Amino acid sequence: MAIKEKNTQKQSKLLEVLTTEYKWENLLLGILATLSAALALIIIIGKGPLTISPEFPILGTGNNGLIFAWILFIISIFGLFLVIYPFFLPALPEIKKITWATKKQFLQDAARVIIFTLIVTGFIFAFDLIATQLIGLLGAN
């Protein structure tokens, strides 16, 4: 009886490291992306406690510091997207199941919301008017 051998391909170590998911990597990426975006915005605004000194090599000359800050900001936003995207991925099939209201249903619901808003606004206005009158009467004594 012959034994079949599994044909396994040898994966490179680099691909193995890049495709392995680590437990805290998304949290670390989210924290670093948020901090780098905040630092980039502080440099871009130019009014915070962090500025690039004109004597600093390369970044201090001309608009290089501002260009660096914008590039850092764009990379940070991309990093935040990479952290947030996996949370919304399972929701995409559910979004495709959404059915929109017909024009008639939309108009009925919109009318209900407007009427409810007007009623609540009327109650708040009446309460405010009564409270103002009572405070005025108590202040007159």
Protein backbone atom coordinates (compact mmCIF):
# COMPACT_ATOMS: atom_id res chain seq x y z
CA MET A 1 0.00 0.00 0.00
CA ALA A 2 1.39 3.34 -1.05
CA ILE A 3 1.30 6.29 1.29
CA LYS A 4 0.47 9.60 -0.30
CA GLU A 5 2.71 12.44 0.67
CA LYS A 6 1.24 15.88 1.08
CA ASN A 7 2.57 18.32 -1.42
CA THR A 8 3.35 21.36 0.69
CA GLN A 9 4.90 24.45 -0.79
CA LYS A 10 7.60 26.14 1.14
CA GLN A 11 6.50 29.69 2.00
CA SER A 12 9.13 32.34 2.34
CA LYS A 13 9.80 33.68 5.82
CA LEU A 14 8.97 37.23 4.71
CA LEU A 15 5.51 36.24 3.45
CA GLU A 16 4.95 34.20 6.60
CA VAL A 17 5.76 37.20 8.82
CA LEU A 18 3.67 39.60 6.72
CA THR A 19 0.60 37.35 6.61
CA THR A 20 0.64 36.28 10.27
CA GLU A 21 -1.86 38.19 12.37
CA TYR A 22 -0.63 39.15 15.79
CA LYS A 23 -2.93 39.73 18.74
CA TRP A 24 -2.18 43.40 19.45
CA GLU A 25 -1.05 44.67 16.05
CA ASN A 26 -4.31 46.47 15.18
CA LEU A 27 -4.41 48.18 18.56
CA LEU A 28 -0.79 49.30 18.23
CA LEU A 29 -1.34 50.49 14.66
CA GLY A 30 -4.45 52.42 15.74
CA ILE A 31 -2.60 54.14 18.60
CA LEU A 32 0.44 54.99 16.47
CA ALA A 33 -1.70 56.24 13.57
CA THR A 34 -3.75 58.44 15.89
CA LEU A 35 -0.67 59.90 17.56
CA SER A 36 1.11 60.53 14.27
CA ALA A 37 -2.01 62.19 12.80
CA ALA A 38 -2.23 64.45 15.85
CA LEU A 39 1.46 65.37 15.59
CA ALA A 40 1.11 66.04 11.88
CA LEU A 41 -1.88 68.33 12.49
CA ILE A 42 0.03 70.22 15.19
CA ILE A 43 2.86 70.83 12.71
CA ILE A 44 0.45 71.77 9.90
CA ILE A 45 -1.49 74.26 12.04
CA GLY A 46 1.75 75.72 13.35
CA LYS A 47 0.25 77.18 16.53
CA GLY A 48 0.84 74.26 18.87
CA PRO A 49 3.76 73.41 21.11
CA LEU A 50 5.44 71.37 18.37
CA THR A 51 7.15 73.11 15.48
CA ILE A 52 10.07 72.26 13.23
CA SER A 53 13.04 74.51 13.87
CA PRO A 54 14.45 76.27 10.78
CA GLU A 55 17.93 74.99 11.77
CA PHE A 56 16.78 71.35 11.54
CA PRO A 57 18.47 69.62 8.59
CA ILE A 58 16.30 69.07 5.49
CA LEU A 59 12.91 69.51 7.22
CA GLY A 60 13.68 73.00 8.51
CA THR A 61 14.38 74.53 5.12
CA GLY A 62 11.56 76.01 3.04
CA ASN A 63 8.27 74.14 3.05
CA ASN A 64 9.86 70.74 3.67
CA GLY A 65 8.47 70.52 7.20
CA LEU A 66 4.95 71.22 5.98
CA ILE A 67 5.29 68.69 3.17
CA PHE A 68 6.57 66.12 5.69
CA ALA A 69 3.61 66.84 7.99
CA TRP A 70 1.08 66.37 5.17
CA ILE A 71 2.70 63.10 4.09
CA LEU A 72 2.71 61.92 7.71
CA PHE A 73 -0.97 62.88 8.04
CA ILE A 74 -1.95 60.96 4.88
CA ILE A 75 -0.03 57.86 6.02
CA SER A 76 -1.73 58.13 9.45
CA ILE A 77 -5.19 58.30 7.90
CA PHE A 78 -4.34 55.26 5.77
CA GLY A 79 -3.22 53.42 8.92
CA LEU A 80 -6.48 54.31 10.69
CA PHE A 81 -8.39 53.04 7.66
CA LEU A 82 -6.50 49.73 7.87
CA VAL A 83 -7.48 49.41 11.54
CA ILE A 84 -11.14 50.37 11.12
CA TYR A 85 -11.87 48.54 7.84
CA PRO A 86 -11.92 44.98 9.28
CA PHE A 87 -14.66 45.98 11.72
CA PHE A 88 -16.94 47.09 8.88
CA LEU A 89 -16.13 44.18 6.56
CA PRO A 90 -18.78 41.83 8.08
CA ALA A 91 -21.38 44.59 7.76
CA LEU A 92 -21.09 44.89 3.97
CA PRO A 93 -23.27 41.84 3.16
CA GLU A 94 -25.87 43.13 5.61
CA ILE A 95 -25.88 46.55 3.94
CA LYS A 96 -26.71 44.86 0.62
CA LYS A 97 -29.86 43.41 2.23
CA ILE A 98 -31.30 46.86 3.01
CA THR A 99 -34.56 47.69 1.28
CA TRP A 100 -35.42 51.33 0.84
CA ALA A 101 -38.80 52.83 1.58
CA THR A 102 -41.14 53.67 -1.28
CA LYS A 103 -41.96 57.29 -2.01
CA LYS A 104 -45.34 56.94 -0.26
CA GLN A 105 -43.79 55.37 2.87
CA PHE A 106 -41.07 58.03 2.92
CA LEU A 107 -43.57 60.88 2.74
CA GLN A 108 -45.73 59.32 5.48
CA ASP A 109 -42.75 58.80 7.78
CA ALA A 110 -41.41 62.29 7.07
CA ALA A 111 -44.81 63.79 7.90
CA ARG A 112 -44.91 61.83 11.18
CA VAL A 113 -41.44 63.06 12.14
CA ILE A 114 -42.31 66.68 11.35
CA ILE A 115 -45.59 66.50 13.30
CA PHE A 116 -43.87 64.87 16.28
CA THR A 117 -41.12 67.50 16.19
CA LEU A 118 -43.70 70.31 16.11
CA ILE A 119 -45.59 68.80 19.08
CA VAL A 120 -42.42 68.41 21.16
CA THR A 121 -41.34 71.93 20.21
CA GLY A 122 -44.76 73.22 21.30
CA PHE A 123 -44.47 71.48 24.68
CA ILE A 124 -40.97 72.87 25.25
CA PHE A 125 -42.09 76.36 24.18
CA ALA A 126 -45.11 76.21 26.53
CA PHE A 127 -42.95 74.99 29.42
CA ASP A 128 -40.42 77.74 28.74
CA LEU A 129 -43.16 80.37 28.60
CA ILE A 130 -44.73 79.17 31.86
CA ALA A 131 -41.35 78.90 33.61
CA THR A 132 -40.39 82.40 32.47
CA GLN A 133 -43.69 83.83 33.77
CA LEU A 134 -43.31 82.05 37.13
CA ILE A 135 -39.73 83.26 37.54
CA GLY A 136 -40.89 86.77 36.63
CA LEU A 137 -43.67 86.61 39.29
CA LEU A 138 -41.28 85.28 41.94
CA GLY A 139 -38.72 87.96 41.09
CA ALA A 140 -41.33 90.74 41.34
CA ASN A 141 -42.04 89.92 44.99
